[in-house]
Amino acid sequence: MDEVSEKCLYKKEPRSRSETLEGNTEKVKVGCGNLYITINGDDIGICEVFTKTGGCSPLSEAASRLISIAMRAGVEAEYIIEQLKGIKCPNTTQQKDIKVLSCPDAIGRALERVLKETKK
């Protein structure tokens, strides 16, 4: 078995979540209302993301869960941000006063801001 195949078989478990985490909640206007993005971290880095919106709540919650488990499993935030930023939603892009392209785009931008603040 070659090195690439061997790495694909390696199972990575996410680190456990601390009992107490610190973070911030950001309110972002999106096409289906307000999106609230909570990003929490521990001494290692970003640990979890929660989202709440009136529109596509199940999809935002699913994205948040996947982002959280990926972050705790050691996936670099830059890879996640790259996948989220730029995703477009017709509800958001048709409104002039909205500065994000979609809920995933807003989550990616929020992660990027937190990552920049953490590196300072």
PDB file of N, CA and C in Angstrom:
ATOM      1  N   MET A   1       0.850  -1.184   0.000  1.00  0.00           N
ATOM      2  CA  MET A   1       0.000   0.000   0.000  1.00  0.00           C
ATOM      3  C   MET A   1       0.888   1.237   0.000  1.00  0.00           C
ATOM      4  N   ASP A   2       0.572   2.202  -0.874  1.00  0.00           N
ATOM      5  CA  ASP A   2       1.386   3.414  -0.940  1.00  0.00           C
ATOM      6  C   ASP A   2       1.027   4.367   0.207  1.00  0.00           C
ATOM      7  N   GLU A   3       1.838   5.401   0.355  1.00  0.00           N
ATOM      8  CA  GLU A   3       1.690   6.343   1.471  1.00  0.00           C
ATOM      9  C   GLU A   3       0.337   7.074   1.445  1.00  0.00           C
ATOM     10  N   VAL A   4      -0.127   7.459   0.263  1.00  0.00           N
ATOM     11  CA  VAL A   4      -1.403   8.173   0.143  1.00  0.00           C
ATOM     12  C   VAL A   4      -2.558   7.273   0.592  1.00  0.00           C
ATOM     13  N   SER A   5      -2.569   6.029   0.128  1.00  0.00           N
ATOM     14  CA  SER A   5      -3.628   5.094   0.516  1.00  0.00           C
ATOM     15  C   SER A   5      -3.608   4.834   2.011  1.00  0.00           C
ATOM     16  N   GLU A   6      -2.420   4.745   2.573  1.00  0.00           N
ATOM     17  CA  GLU A   6      -2.289   4.502   4.008  1.00  0.00           C
ATOM     18  C   GLU A   6      -2.843   5.680   4.808  1.00  0.00           C
ATOM     19  N   LYS A   7      -2.572   6.905   4.365  1.00  0.00           N
ATOM     20  CA  LYS A   7      -3.095   8.085   5.050  1.00  0.00           C
ATOM     21  C   LYS A   7      -4.613   8.151   4.981  1.00  0.00           C
ATOM     22  N   CYS A   8      -5.189   7.715   3.880  1.00  0.00           N
ATOM     23  CA  CYS A   8      -6.647   7.742   3.736  1.00  0.00           C
ATOM     24  C   CYS A   8      -7.320   6.771   4.704  1.00  0.00           C
ATOM     25  N   LEU A   9      -6.630   5.740   5.098  1.00  0.00           N
ATOM     26  CA  LEU A   9      -7.189   4.762   6.022  1.00  0.00           C
ATOM     27  C   LEU A   9      -7.053   5.194   7.480  1.00  0.00           C
ATOM     28  N   TYR A  10      -6.212   6.178   7.738  1.00  0.00           N
ATOM     29  CA  TYR A  10      -5.992   6.656   9.097  1.00  0.00           C
ATOM     30  C   TYR A  10      -7.237   7.362   9.599  1.00  0.00           C
ATOM     31  N   LYS A  11      -7.709   6.961  10.762  1.00  0.00           N
ATOM     32  CA  LYS A  11      -8.900   7.581  11.337  1.00  0.00           C
ATOM     33  C   LYS A  11      -8.490   8.597  12.385  1.00  0.00           C
ATOM     34  N   LYS A  12      -8.979   9.800  12.228  1.00  0.00           N
ATOM     35  CA  LYS A  12      -8.655  10.902  13.130  1.00  0.00           C
ATOM     36  C   LYS A  12      -9.883  11.208  13.967  1.00  0.00           C
ATOM     37  N   GLU A  13      -9.707  11.207  15.278  1.00  0.00           N
ATOM     38  CA  GLU A  13     -10.808  11.548  16.165  1.00  0.00           C
ATOM     39  C   GLU A  13     -10.665  12.994  16.615  1.00  0.00           C
ATOM     40  N   PRO A  14     -11.786  13.715  16.696  1.00  0.00           N
ATOM     41  CA  PRO A  14     -11.710  15.101  17.170  1.00  0.00           C
ATOM     42  C   PRO A  14     -11.348  15.149  18.647  1.00  0.00           C
ATOM     43  N   ARG A  15     -10.650  16.204  19.036  1.00  0.00           N
ATOM     44  CA  ARG A  15     -10.334  16.370  20.451  1.00  0.00           C
ATOM     45  C   ARG A  15     -11.627  16.618  21.218  1.00  0.00           C
ATOM     46  N   SER A  16     -11.596  16.335  22.484  1.00  0.00           N
ATOM     47  CA  SER A  16     -12.800  16.537  23.285  1.00  0.00           C
ATOM     48  C   SER A  16     -13.031  18.025  23.521  1.00  0.00           C
ATOM     49  N   ARG A  17     -14.262  18.339  23.827  1.00  0.00           N
ATOM     50  CA  ARG A  17     -14.661  19.718  24.090  1.00  0.00           C
ATOM     51  C   ARG A  17     -14.515  19.997  25.567  1.00  0.00           C
ATOM     52  N   SER A  18     -13.923  21.134  25.908  1.00  0.00           N
ATOM     53  CA  SER A  18     -13.804  21.541  27.308  1.00  0.00           C
ATOM     54  C   SER A  18     -15.197  21.852  27.854  1.00  0.00           C
ATOM     55  N   GLU A  19     -15.334  21.793  29.156  1.00  0.00           N
ATOM     56  CA  GLU A  19     -16.611  22.116  29.787  1.00  0.00           C
ATOM     57  C   GLU A  19     -16.984  23.582  29.560  1.00  0.00           C
ATOM     58  N   THR A  20     -15.987  24.452  29.565  1.00  0.00           N
ATOM     59  CA  THR A  20     -16.222  25.880  29.399  1.00  0.00           C
ATOM     60  C   THR A  20     -15.357  26.407  28.255  1.00  0.00           C
ATOM     61  N   LEU A  21     -15.980  27.174  27.356  1.00  0.00           N
ATOM     62  CA  LEU A  21     -15.265  27.785  26.237  1.00  0.00           C
ATOM     63  C   LEU A  21     -15.606  29.265  26.185  1.00  0.00           C
ATOM     64  N   GLU A  22     -14.741  30.034  25.563  1.00  0.00           N
ATOM     65  CA  GLU A  22     -14.992  31.458  25.380  1.00  0.00           C
ATOM     66  C   GLU A  22     -15.180  31.745  23.903  1.00  0.00           C
ATOM     67  N   GLY A  23     -16.009  32.737  23.609  1.00  0.00           N
ATOM     68  CA  GLY A  23     -16.224  33.098  22.221  1.00  0.00           C
ATOM     69  C   GLY A  23     -17.088  34.326  22.079  1.00  0.00           C
ATOM     70  N   ASN A  24     -17.516  34.558  20.861  1.00  0.00           N
ATOM     71  CA  ASN A  24     -18.345  35.712  20.539  1.00  0.00           C
ATOM     72  C   ASN A  24     -19.458  35.289  19.598  1.00  0.00           C
ATOM     73  N   THR A  25     -20.550  36.046  19.662  1.00  0.00           N
ATOM     74  CA  THR A  25     -21.654  35.848  18.735  1.00  0.00           C
ATOM     75  C   THR A  25     -21.777  37.092  17.875  1.00  0.00           C
ATOM     76  N   GLU A  26     -21.865  36.877  16.586  1.00  0.00           N
ATOM     77  CA  GLU A  26     -21.957  37.962  15.612  1.00  0.00           C
ATOM     78  C   GLU A  26     -23.303  37.878  14.898  1.00  0.00           C
ATOM     79  N   LYS A  27     -23.939  39.002  14.713  1.00  0.00           N
ATOM     80  CA  LYS A  27     -25.203  39.084  13.982  1.00  0.00           C
ATOM     81  C   LYS A  27     -24.907  39.569  12.572  1.00  0.00           C
ATOM     82  N   VAL A  28     -25.352  38.795  11.570  1.00  0.00           N
ATOM     83  CA  VAL A  28     -25.116  39.134  10.172  1.00  0.00           C
ATOM     84  C   VAL A  28     -26.452  39.102   9.437  1.00  0.00           C
ATOM     85  N   LYS A  29     -26.734  40.144   8.679  1.00  0.00           N
ATOM     86  CA  LYS A  29     -27.953  40.177   7.885  1.00  0.00           C
ATOM     87  C   LYS A  29     -27.740  39.373   6.611  1.00  0.00           C
ATOM     88  N   VAL A  30     -28.602  38.375   6.392  1.00  0.00           N
ATOM     89  CA  VAL A  30     -28.557  37.547   5.187  1.00  0.00           C
ATOM     90  C   VAL A  30     -29.920  37.630   4.508  1.00  0.00           C
ATOM     91  N   GLY A  31     -30.064  36.995   3.363  1.00  0.00           N
ATOM     92  CA  GLY A  31     -31.282  37.088   2.577  1.00  0.00           C
ATOM     93  C   GLY A  31     -32.536  36.587   3.266  1.00  0.00           C
ATOM     94  N   CYS A  32     -32.395  35.660   4.209  1.00  0.00           N
ATOM     95  CA  CYS A  32     -33.575  35.101   4.878  1.00  0.00           C
ATOM     96  C   CYS A  32     -33.723  35.628   6.307  1.00  0.00           C
ATOM     97  N   GLY A  33     -33.084  36.728   6.632  1.00  0.00           N
ATOM     98  CA  GLY A  33     -33.202  37.323   7.966  1.00  0.00           C
ATOM     99  C   GLY A  33     -31.841  37.565   8.578  1.00  0.00           C
ATOM    100  N   ASN A  34     -31.771  37.416   9.876  1.00  0.00           N
ATOM    101  CA  ASN A  34     -30.505  37.577  10.591  1.00  0.00           C
ATOM    102  C   ASN A  34     -29.895  36.214  10.879  1.00  0.00           C
ATOM    103  N   LEU A  35     -28.603  36.123  10.679  1.00  0.00           N
ATOM    104  CA  LEU A  35     -27.844  34.919  11.002  1.00  0.00           C
ATOM    105  C   LEU A  35     -26.968  35.256  12.198  1.00  0.00           C
ATOM    106  N   TYR A  36     -27.089  34.470  13.249  1.00  0.00           N
ATOM    107  CA  TYR A  36     -26.264  34.647  14.435  1.00  0.00           C
ATOM    108  C   TYR A  36     -25.199  33.551  14.415  1.00  0.00           C
ATOM    109  N   ILE A  37     -23.940  33.973  14.413  1.00  0.00           N
ATOM    110  CA  ILE A  37     -22.805  33.041  14.342  1.00  0.00           C
ATOM    111  C   ILE A  37     -22.029  33.138  15.641  1.00  0.00           C
ATOM    112  N   THR A  38     -21.950  32.029  16.360  1.00  0.00           N
ATOM    113  CA  THR A  38     -21.164  31.956  17.586  1.00  0.00           C
ATOM    114  C   THR A  38     -19.947  31.094  17.317  1.00  0.00           C
ATOM    115  N   ILE A  39     -18.770  31.648  17.594  1.00  0.00           N
ATOM    116  CA  ILE A  39     -17.512  30.923  17.415  1.00  0.00           C
ATOM    117  C   ILE A  39     -16.821  30.873  18.767  1.00  0.00           C
ATOM    118  N   ASN A  40     -16.613  29.663  19.264  1.00  0.00           N
ATOM    119  CA  ASN A  40     -15.976  29.455  20.563  1.00  0.00           C
ATOM    120  C   ASN A  40     -14.624  28.786  20.376  1.00  0.00           C
ATOM    121  N   GLY A  41     -13.727  29.060  21.298  1.00  0.00           N
ATOM    122  CA  GLY A  41     -12.407  28.452  21.226  1.00  0.00           C
ATOM    123  C   GLY A  41     -11.866  28.077  22.581  1.00  0.00           C
ATOM    124  N   ASP A  42     -10.779  27.338  22.548  1.00  0.00           N
ATOM    125  CA  ASP A  42     -10.063  26.971  23.762  1.00  0.00           C
ATOM    126  C   ASP A  42      -8.610  27.381  23.587  1.00  0.00           C
ATOM    127  N   ASP A  43      -7.727  26.907  24.447  1.00  0.00           N
ATOM    128  CA  ASP A  43      -6.324  27.311  24.353  1.00  0.00           C
ATOM    129  C   ASP A  43      -5.619  26.748  23.116  1.00  0.00           C
ATOM    130  N   ILE A  44      -6.241  25.788  22.431  1.00  0.00           N
ATOM    131  CA  ILE A  44      -5.663  25.229  21.210  1.00  0.00           C
ATOM    132  C   ILE A  44      -6.091  26.022  19.981  1.00  0.00           C
ATOM    133  N   GLY A  45      -7.319  26.529  19.996  1.00  0.00           N
ATOM    134  CA  GLY A  45      -7.824  27.291  18.862  1.00  0.00           C
ATOM    135  C   GLY A  45      -9.332  27.233  18.785  1.00  0.00           C
ATOM    136  N   ILE A  46      -9.872  27.524  17.604  1.00  0.00           N
ATOM    137  CA  ILE A  46     -11.319  27.463  17.407  1.00  0.00           C
ATOM    138  C   ILE A  46     -11.774  26.032  17.649  1.00  0.00           C
ATOM    139  N   CYS A  47     -12.846  25.914  18.398  1.00  0.00           N
ATOM    140  CA  CYS A  47     -13.302  24.592  18.810  1.00  0.00           C
ATOM    141  C   CYS A  47     -14.700  24.265  18.289  1.00  0.00           C
ATOM    142  N   GLU A  48     -15.544  25.286  18.176  1.00  0.00           N
ATOM    143  CA  GLU A  48     -16.900  25.005  17.730  1.00  0.00           C
ATOM    144  C   GLU A  48     -17.551  26.248  17.143  1.00  0.00           C
ATOM    145  N   VAL A  49     -18.532  25.984  16.283  1.00  0.00           N
ATOM    146  CA  VAL A  49     -19.307  27.036  15.649  1.00  0.00           C
ATOM    147  C   VAL A  49     -20.781  26.672  15.810  1.00  0.00           C
ATOM    148  N   PHE A  50     -21.573  27.656  16.208  1.00  0.00           N
ATOM    149  CA  PHE A  50     -23.026  27.500  16.276  1.00  0.00           C
ATOM    150  C   PHE A  50     -23.643  28.580  15.408  1.00  0.00           C
ATOM    151  N   THR A  51     -24.717  28.250  14.727  1.00  0.00           N
ATOM    152  CA  THR A  51     -25.446  29.260  13.965  1.00  0.00           C
ATOM    153  C   THR A  51     -26.928  29.135  14.251  1.00  0.00           C
ATOM    154  N   LYS A  52     -27.611  30.253  14.148  1.00  0.00           N
ATOM    155  CA  LYS A  52     -29.060  30.293  14.318  1.00  0.00           C
ATOM    156  C   LYS A  52     -29.608  31.315  13.346  1.00  0.00           C
ATOM    157  N   THR A  53     -30.584  30.904  12.552  1.00  0.00           N
ATOM    158  CA  THR A  53     -31.237  31.806  11.610  1.00  0.00           C
ATOM    159  C   THR A  53     -32.690  31.405  11.458  1.00  0.00           C
ATOM    160  N   GLY A  54     -33.497  32.318  10.991  1.00  0.00           N
ATOM    161  CA  GLY A  54     -34.901  32.037  10.793  1.00  0.00           C
ATOM    162  C   GLY A  54     -35.180  31.308   9.488  1.00  0.00           C
ATOM    163  N   GLY A  55     -34.244  31.328   8.561  1.00  0.00           N
ATOM    164  CA  GLY A  55     -34.480  30.752   7.242  1.00  0.00           C
ATOM    165  C   GLY A  55     -34.024  29.321   7.112  1.00  0.00           C
ATOM    166  N   CYS A  56     -32.769  29.119   6.788  1.00  0.00           N
ATOM    167  CA  CYS A  56     -32.253  27.778   6.483  1.00  0.00           C
ATOM    168  C   CYS A  56     -31.540  27.187   7.697  1.00  0.00           C
ATOM    169  N   SER A  57     -32.209  27.182   8.830  1.00  0.00           N
ATOM    170  CA  SER A  57     -31.606  26.703  10.079  1.00  0.00           C
ATOM    171  C   SER A  57     -31.013  25.300   9.999  1.00  0.00           C
ATOM    172  N   PRO A  58     -31.719  24.300   9.434  1.00  0.00           N
ATOM    173  CA  PRO A  58     -31.124  22.955   9.399  1.00  0.00           C
ATOM    174  C   PRO A  58     -29.810  22.906   8.616  1.00  0.00           C
ATOM    175  N   LEU A  59     -29.736  23.614   7.507  1.00  0.00           N
ATOM    176  CA  LEU A  59     -28.496  23.598   6.726  1.00  0.00           C
ATOM    177  C   LEU A  59     -27.372  24.330   7.449  1.00  0.00           C
ATOM    178  N   SER A  60     -27.682  25.457   8.075  1.00  0.00           N
ATOM    179  CA  SER A  60     -26.664  26.188   8.825  1.00  0.00           C
ATOM    180  C   SER A  60     -26.195  25.371  10.023  1.00  0.00           C
ATOM    181  N   GLU A  61     -27.131  24.699  10.685  1.00  0.00           N
ATOM    182  CA  GLU A  61     -26.751  23.861  11.830  1.00  0.00           C
ATOM    183  C   GLU A  61     -25.867  22.706  11.379  1.00  0.00           C
ATOM    184  N   ALA A  62     -26.206  22.084  10.256  1.00  0.00           N
ATOM    185  CA  ALA A  62     -25.384  20.988   9.732  1.00  0.00           C
ATOM    186  C   ALA A  62     -23.972  21.477   9.410  1.00  0.00           C
ATOM    187  N   ALA A  63     -23.886  22.632   8.750  1.00  0.00           N
ATOM    188  CA  ALA A  63     -22.568  23.195   8.425  1.00  0.00           C
ATOM    189  C   ALA A  63     -21.788  23.466   9.699  1.00  0.00           C
ATOM    190  N   SER A  64     -22.443  24.035  10.704  1.00  0.00           N
ATOM    191  CA  SER A  64     -21.777  24.349  11.971  1.00  0.00           C
ATOM    192  C   SER A  64     -21.238  23.093  12.648  1.00  0.00           C
ATOM    193  N   ARG A  65     -22.032  22.043  12.657  1.00  0.00           N
ATOM    194  CA  ARG A  65     -21.575  20.786  13.271  1.00  0.00           C
ATOM    195  C   ARG A  65     -20.364  20.219  12.549  1.00  0.00           C
ATOM    196  N   LEU A  66     -20.411  20.245  11.210  1.00  0.00           N
ATOM    197  CA  LEU A  66     -19.280  19.728  10.436  1.00  0.00           C
ATOM    198  C   LEU A  66     -18.032  20.579  10.618  1.00  0.00           C
ATOM    199  N   ILE A  67     -18.202  21.890  10.659  1.00  0.00           N
ATOM    200  CA  ILE A  67     -17.069  22.786  10.894  1.00  0.00           C
ATOM    201  C   ILE A  67     -16.466  22.496  12.269  1.00  0.00           C
ATOM    202  N   SER A  68     -17.317  22.356  13.279  1.00  0.00           N
ATOM    203  CA  SER A  68     -16.842  22.118  14.647  1.00  0.00           C
ATOM    204  C   SER A  68     -16.043  20.830  14.746  1.00  0.00           C
ATOM    205  N   ILE A  69     -16.568  19.757  14.188  1.00  0.00           N
ATOM    206  CA  ILE A  69     -15.868  18.476  14.292  1.00  0.00           C
ATOM    207  C   ILE A  69     -14.573  18.503  13.484  1.00  0.00           C
ATOM    208  N   ALA A  70     -14.590  19.184  12.340  1.00  0.00           N
ATOM    209  CA  ALA A  70     -13.368  19.300  11.535  1.00  0.00           C
ATOM    210  C   ALA A  70     -12.303  20.096  12.283  1.00  0.00           C
ATOM    211  N   MET A  71     -12.703  21.186  12.921  1.00  0.00           N
ATOM    212  CA  MET A  71     -11.752  22.012  13.667  1.00  0.00           C
ATOM    213  C   MET A  71     -11.155  21.215  14.829  1.00  0.00           C
ATOM    214  N   ARG A  72     -11.990  20.482  15.552  1.00  0.00           N
ATOM    215  CA  ARG A  72     -11.488  19.697  16.686  1.00  0.00           C
ATOM    216  C   ARG A  72     -10.648  18.502  16.226  1.00  0.00           C
ATOM    217  N   ALA A  73     -10.830  18.085  14.965  1.00  0.00           N
ATOM    218  CA  ALA A  73     -10.031  16.983  14.419  1.00  0.00           C
ATOM    219  C   ALA A  73      -8.709  17.474  13.841  1.00  0.00           C
ATOM    220  N   GLY A  74      -8.494  18.785  13.865  1.00  0.00           N
ATOM    221  CA  GLY A  74      -7.204  19.302  13.436  1.00  0.00           C
ATOM    222  C   GLY A  74      -7.162  19.861  12.028  1.00  0.00           C
ATOM    223  N   VAL A  75      -8.300  19.977  11.352  1.00  0.00           N
ATOM    224  CA  VAL A  75      -8.305  20.581  10.020  1.00  0.00           C
ATOM    225  C   VAL A  75      -8.012  22.076  10.185  1.00  0.00           C
ATOM    226  N   GLU A  76      -7.095  22.574   9.407  1.00  0.00           N
ATOM    227  CA  GLU A  76      -6.732  23.983   9.490  1.00  0.00           C
ATOM    228  C   GLU A  76      -7.910  24.850   9.066  1.00  0.00           C
ATOM    229  N   ALA A  77      -8.158  25.917   9.810  1.00  0.00           N
ATOM    230  CA  ALA A  77      -9.286  26.810   9.548  1.00  0.00           C
ATOM    231  C   ALA A  77      -9.239  27.381   8.137  1.00  0.00           C
ATOM    232  N   GLU A  78      -8.055  27.618   7.607  1.00  0.00           N
ATOM    233  CA  GLU A  78      -7.921  28.202   6.279  1.00  0.00           C
ATOM    234  C   GLU A  78      -8.593  27.339   5.212  1.00  0.00           C
ATOM    235  N   TYR A  79      -8.521  26.019   5.352  1.00  0.00           N
ATOM    236  CA  TYR A  79      -9.150  25.116   4.386  1.00  0.00           C
ATOM    237  C   TYR A  79     -10.672  25.221   4.451  1.00  0.00           C
ATOM    238  N   ILE A  80     -11.196  25.322   5.654  1.00  0.00           N
ATOM    239  CA  ILE A  80     -12.639  25.441   5.840  1.00  0.00           C
ATOM    240  C   ILE A  80     -13.123  26.784   5.298  1.00  0.00           C
ATOM    241  N   ILE A  81     -12.415  27.842   5.626  1.00  0.00           N
ATOM    242  CA  ILE A  81     -12.763  29.180   5.160  1.00  0.00           C
ATOM    243  C   ILE A  81     -12.778  29.225   3.636  1.00  0.00           C
ATOM    244  N   GLU A  82     -11.780  28.633   3.009  1.00  0.00           N
ATOM    245  CA  GLU A  82     -11.684  28.614   1.550  1.00  0.00           C
ATOM    246  C   GLU A  82     -12.906  27.938   0.915  1.00  0.00           C
ATOM    247  N   GLN A  83     -13.416  26.902   1.564  1.00  0.00           N
ATOM    248  CA  GLN A  83     -14.573  26.190   1.027  1.00  0.00           C
ATOM    249  C   GLN A  83     -15.878  26.961   1.213  1.00  0.00           C
ATOM    250  N   LEU A  84     -15.982  27.772   2.259  1.00  0.00           N
ATOM    251  CA  LEU A  84     -17.226  28.475   2.574  1.00  0.00           C
ATOM    252  C   LEU A  84     -17.358  29.827   1.874  1.00  0.00           C
ATOM    253  N   LYS A  85     -16.265  30.578   1.857  1.00  0.00           N
ATOM    254  CA  LYS A  85     -16.324  31.923   1.275  1.00  0.00           C
ATOM    255  C   LYS A  85     -16.607  31.849  -0.223  1.00  0.00           C
ATOM    256  N   GLY A  86     -17.511  32.712  -0.659  1.00  0.00           N
ATOM    257  CA  GLY A  86     -17.826  32.792  -2.078  1.00  0.00           C
ATOM    258  C   GLY A  86     -19.061  32.011  -2.490  1.00  0.00           C
ATOM    259  N   ILE A  87     -19.606  31.186  -1.603  1.00  0.00           N
ATOM    260  CA  ILE A  87     -20.845  30.469  -1.920  1.00  0.00           C
ATOM    261  C   ILE A  87     -21.971  31.499  -1.999  1.00  0.00           C
ATOM    262  N   LYS A  88     -22.753  31.441  -3.068  1.00  0.00           N
ATOM    263  CA  LYS A  88     -23.794  32.438  -3.302  1.00  0.00           C
ATOM    264  C   LYS A  88     -25.184  31.859  -3.078  1.00  0.00           C
ATOM    265  N   CYS A  89     -26.070  32.702  -2.558  1.00  0.00           N
ATOM    266  CA  CYS A  89     -27.477  32.367  -2.360  1.00  0.00           C
ATOM    267  C   CYS A  89     -28.307  33.434  -3.066  1.00  0.00           C
ATOM    268  N   PRO A  90     -29.283  33.060  -3.876  1.00  0.00           N
ATOM    269  CA  PRO A  90     -30.094  34.060  -4.582  1.00  0.00           C
ATOM    270  C   PRO A  90     -30.814  35.019  -3.632  1.00  0.00           C
ATOM    271  N   ASN A  91     -31.243  34.547  -2.467  1.00  0.00           N
ATOM    272  CA  ASN A  91     -31.940  35.422  -1.510  1.00  0.00           C
ATOM    273  C   ASN A  91     -31.045  36.557  -1.033  1.00  0.00           C
ATOM    274  N   THR A  92     -29.775  36.292  -0.904  1.00  0.00           N
ATOM    275  CA  THR A  92     -28.846  37.299  -0.396  1.00  0.00           C
ATOM    276  C   THR A  92     -28.325  38.202  -1.499  1.00  0.00           C
ATOM    277  N   THR A  93     -27.984  37.622  -2.630  1.00  0.00           N
ATOM    278  CA  THR A  93     -27.357  38.418  -3.687  1.00  0.00           C
ATOM    279  C   THR A  93     -28.333  39.363  -4.377  1.00  0.00           C
ATOM    280  N   GLN A  94     -29.627  39.176  -4.185  1.00  0.00           N
ATOM    281  CA  GLN A  94     -30.614  40.053  -4.823  1.00  0.00           C
ATOM    282  C   GLN A  94     -30.962  41.273  -3.967  1.00  0.00           C
ATOM    283  N   GLN A  95     -30.403  41.368  -2.779  1.00  0.00           N
ATOM    284  CA  GLN A  95     -30.700  42.488  -1.894  1.00  0.00           C
ATOM    285  C   GLN A  95     -29.473  43.382  -1.781  1.00  0.00           C
ATOM    286  N   LYS A  96     -29.672  44.680  -1.942  1.00  0.00           N
ATOM    287  CA  LYS A  96     -28.561  45.628  -2.027  1.00  0.00           C
ATOM    288  C   LYS A  96     -27.875  45.903  -0.690  1.00  0.00           C
ATOM    289  N   ASP A  97     -28.586  45.842   0.428  1.00  0.00           N
ATOM    290  CA  ASP A  97     -28.005  46.235   1.713  1.00  0.00           C
ATOM    291  C   ASP A  97     -27.320  45.082   2.455  1.00  0.00           C
ATOM    292  N   ILE A  98     -27.140  43.953   1.799  1.00  0.00           N
ATOM    293  CA  ILE A  98     -26.514  42.794   2.430  1.00  0.00           C
ATOM    294  C   ILE A  98     -25.083  42.658   1.915  1.00  0.00           C
ATOM    295  N   LYS A  99     -24.128  42.473   2.834  1.00  0.00           N
ATOM    296  CA  LYS A  99     -22.712  42.478   2.478  1.00  0.00           C
ATOM    297  C   LYS A  99     -22.088  41.088   2.378  1.00  0.00           C
ATOM    298  N   VAL A 100     -22.897  40.030   2.532  1.00  0.00           N
ATOM    299  CA  VAL A 100     -22.400  38.663   2.386  1.00  0.00           C
ATOM    300  C   VAL A 100     -23.144  37.986   1.241  1.00  0.00           C
ATOM    301  N   LEU A 101     -22.584  36.922   0.716  1.00  0.00           N
ATOM    302  CA  LEU A 101     -23.185  36.227  -0.418  1.00  0.00           C
ATOM    303  C   LEU A 101     -24.181  35.148  -0.003  1.00  0.00           C
ATOM    304  N   SER A 102     -24.045  34.625   1.229  1.00  0.00           N
ATOM    305  CA  SER A 102     -24.889  33.535   1.701  1.00  0.00           C
ATOM    306  C   SER A 102     -24.582  33.264   3.169  1.00  0.00           C
ATOM    307  N   CYS A 103     -25.337  32.354   3.767  1.00  0.00           N
ATOM    308  CA  CYS A 103     -25.032  31.945   5.145  1.00  0.00           C
ATOM    309  C   CYS A 103     -23.637  31.301   5.235  1.00  0.00           C
ATOM    310  N   PRO A 104     -23.293  30.345   4.340  1.00  0.00           N
ATOM    311  CA  PRO A 104     -21.936  29.786   4.401  1.00  0.00           C
ATOM    312  C   PRO A 104     -20.851  30.845   4.215  1.00  0.00           C
ATOM    313  N   ASP A 105     -21.074  31.788   3.310  1.00  0.00           N
ATOM    314  CA  ASP A 105     -20.111  32.869   3.095  1.00  0.00           C
ATOM    315  C   ASP A 105     -19.941  33.682   4.377  1.00  0.00           C
ATOM    316  N   ALA A 106     -21.049  33.970   5.057  1.00  0.00           N
ATOM    317  CA  ALA A 106     -20.991  34.726   6.320  1.00  0.00           C
ATOM    318  C   ALA A 106     -20.221  33.945   7.389  1.00  0.00           C
ATOM    319  N   ILE A 107     -20.435  32.646   7.456  1.00  0.00           N
ATOM    320  CA  ILE A 107     -19.717  31.812   8.431  1.00  0.00           C
ATOM    321  C   ILE A 107     -18.227  31.811   8.112  1.00  0.00           C
ATOM    322  N   GLY A 108     -17.874  31.661   6.829  1.00  0.00           N
ATOM    323  CA  GLY A 108     -16.476  31.685   6.416  1.00  0.00           C
ATOM    324  C   GLY A 108     -15.800  33.002   6.751  1.00  0.00           C
ATOM    325  N   ARG A 109     -16.501  34.102   6.505  1.00  0.00           N
ATOM    326  CA  ARG A 109     -15.949  35.418   6.823  1.00  0.00           C
ATOM    327  C   ARG A 109     -15.779  35.602   8.334  1.00  0.00           C
ATOM    328  N   ALA A 110     -16.746  35.116   9.114  1.00  0.00           N
ATOM    329  CA  ALA A 110     -16.641  35.214  10.572  1.00  0.00           C
ATOM    330  C   ALA A 110     -15.459  34.387  11.079  1.00  0.00           C
ATOM    331  N   LEU A 111     -15.296  33.186  10.551  1.00  0.00           N
ATOM    332  CA  LEU A 111     -14.142  32.354  10.928  1.00  0.00           C
ATOM    333  C   LEU A 111     -12.836  33.058  10.574  1.00  0.00           C
ATOM    334  N   GLU A 112     -12.794  33.676   9.415  1.00  0.00           N
ATOM    335  CA  GLU A 112     -11.591  34.383   8.976  1.00  0.00           C
ATOM    336  C   GLU A 112     -11.262  35.535   9.932  1.00  0.00           C
ATOM    337  N   ARG A 113     -12.280  36.286  10.350  1.00  0.00           N
ATOM    338  CA  ARG A 113     -12.052  37.395  11.297  1.00  0.00           C
ATOM    339  C   ARG A 113     -11.515  36.870  12.626  1.00  0.00           C
ATOM    340  N   VAL A 114     -12.130  35.807  13.143  1.00  0.00           N
ATOM    341  CA  VAL A 114     -11.678  35.246  14.415  1.00  0.00           C
ATOM    342  C   VAL A 114     -10.254  34.723  14.291  1.00  0.00           C
ATOM    343  N   LEU A 115      -9.946  34.065  13.193  1.00  0.00           N
ATOM    344  CA  LEU A 115      -8.602  33.543  12.973  1.00  0.00           C
ATOM    345  C   LEU A 115      -7.571  34.670  12.933  1.00  0.00           C
ATOM    346  N   LYS A 116      -7.896  35.771  12.257  1.00  0.00           N
ATOM    347  CA  LYS A 116      -6.978  36.919  12.201  1.00  0.00           C
ATOM    348  C   LYS A 116      -6.770  37.532  13.590  1.00  0.00           C
ATOM    349  N   GLU A 117      -7.853  37.649  14.360  1.00  0.00           N
ATOM    350  CA  GLU A 117      -7.749  38.190  15.719  1.00  0.00           C
ATOM    351  C   GLU A 117      -6.908  37.280  16.611  1.00  0.00           C
ATOM    352  N   THR A 118      -7.056  35.985  16.441  1.00  0.00           N
ATOM    353  CA  THR A 118      -6.322  35.025  17.249  1.00  0.00           C
ATOM    354  C   THR A 118      -4.834  35.083  16.952  1.00  0.00           C
ATOM    355  N   LYS A 119      -4.475  35.329  15.699  1.00  0.00           N
ATOM    356  CA  LYS A 119      -3.059  35.352  15.301  1.00  0.00           C
ATOM    357  C   LYS A 119      -2.351  36.644  15.697  1.00  0.00           C
ATOM    358  N   LYS A 120      -3.106  37.667  16.091  1.00  0.00           N
ATOM    359  CA  LYS A 120      -2.478  38.958  16.460  1.00  0.00           C
ATOM    360  C   LYS A 120      -1.713  38.865  17.756  1.00  0.00           C
TER     361      LYS A 120
END
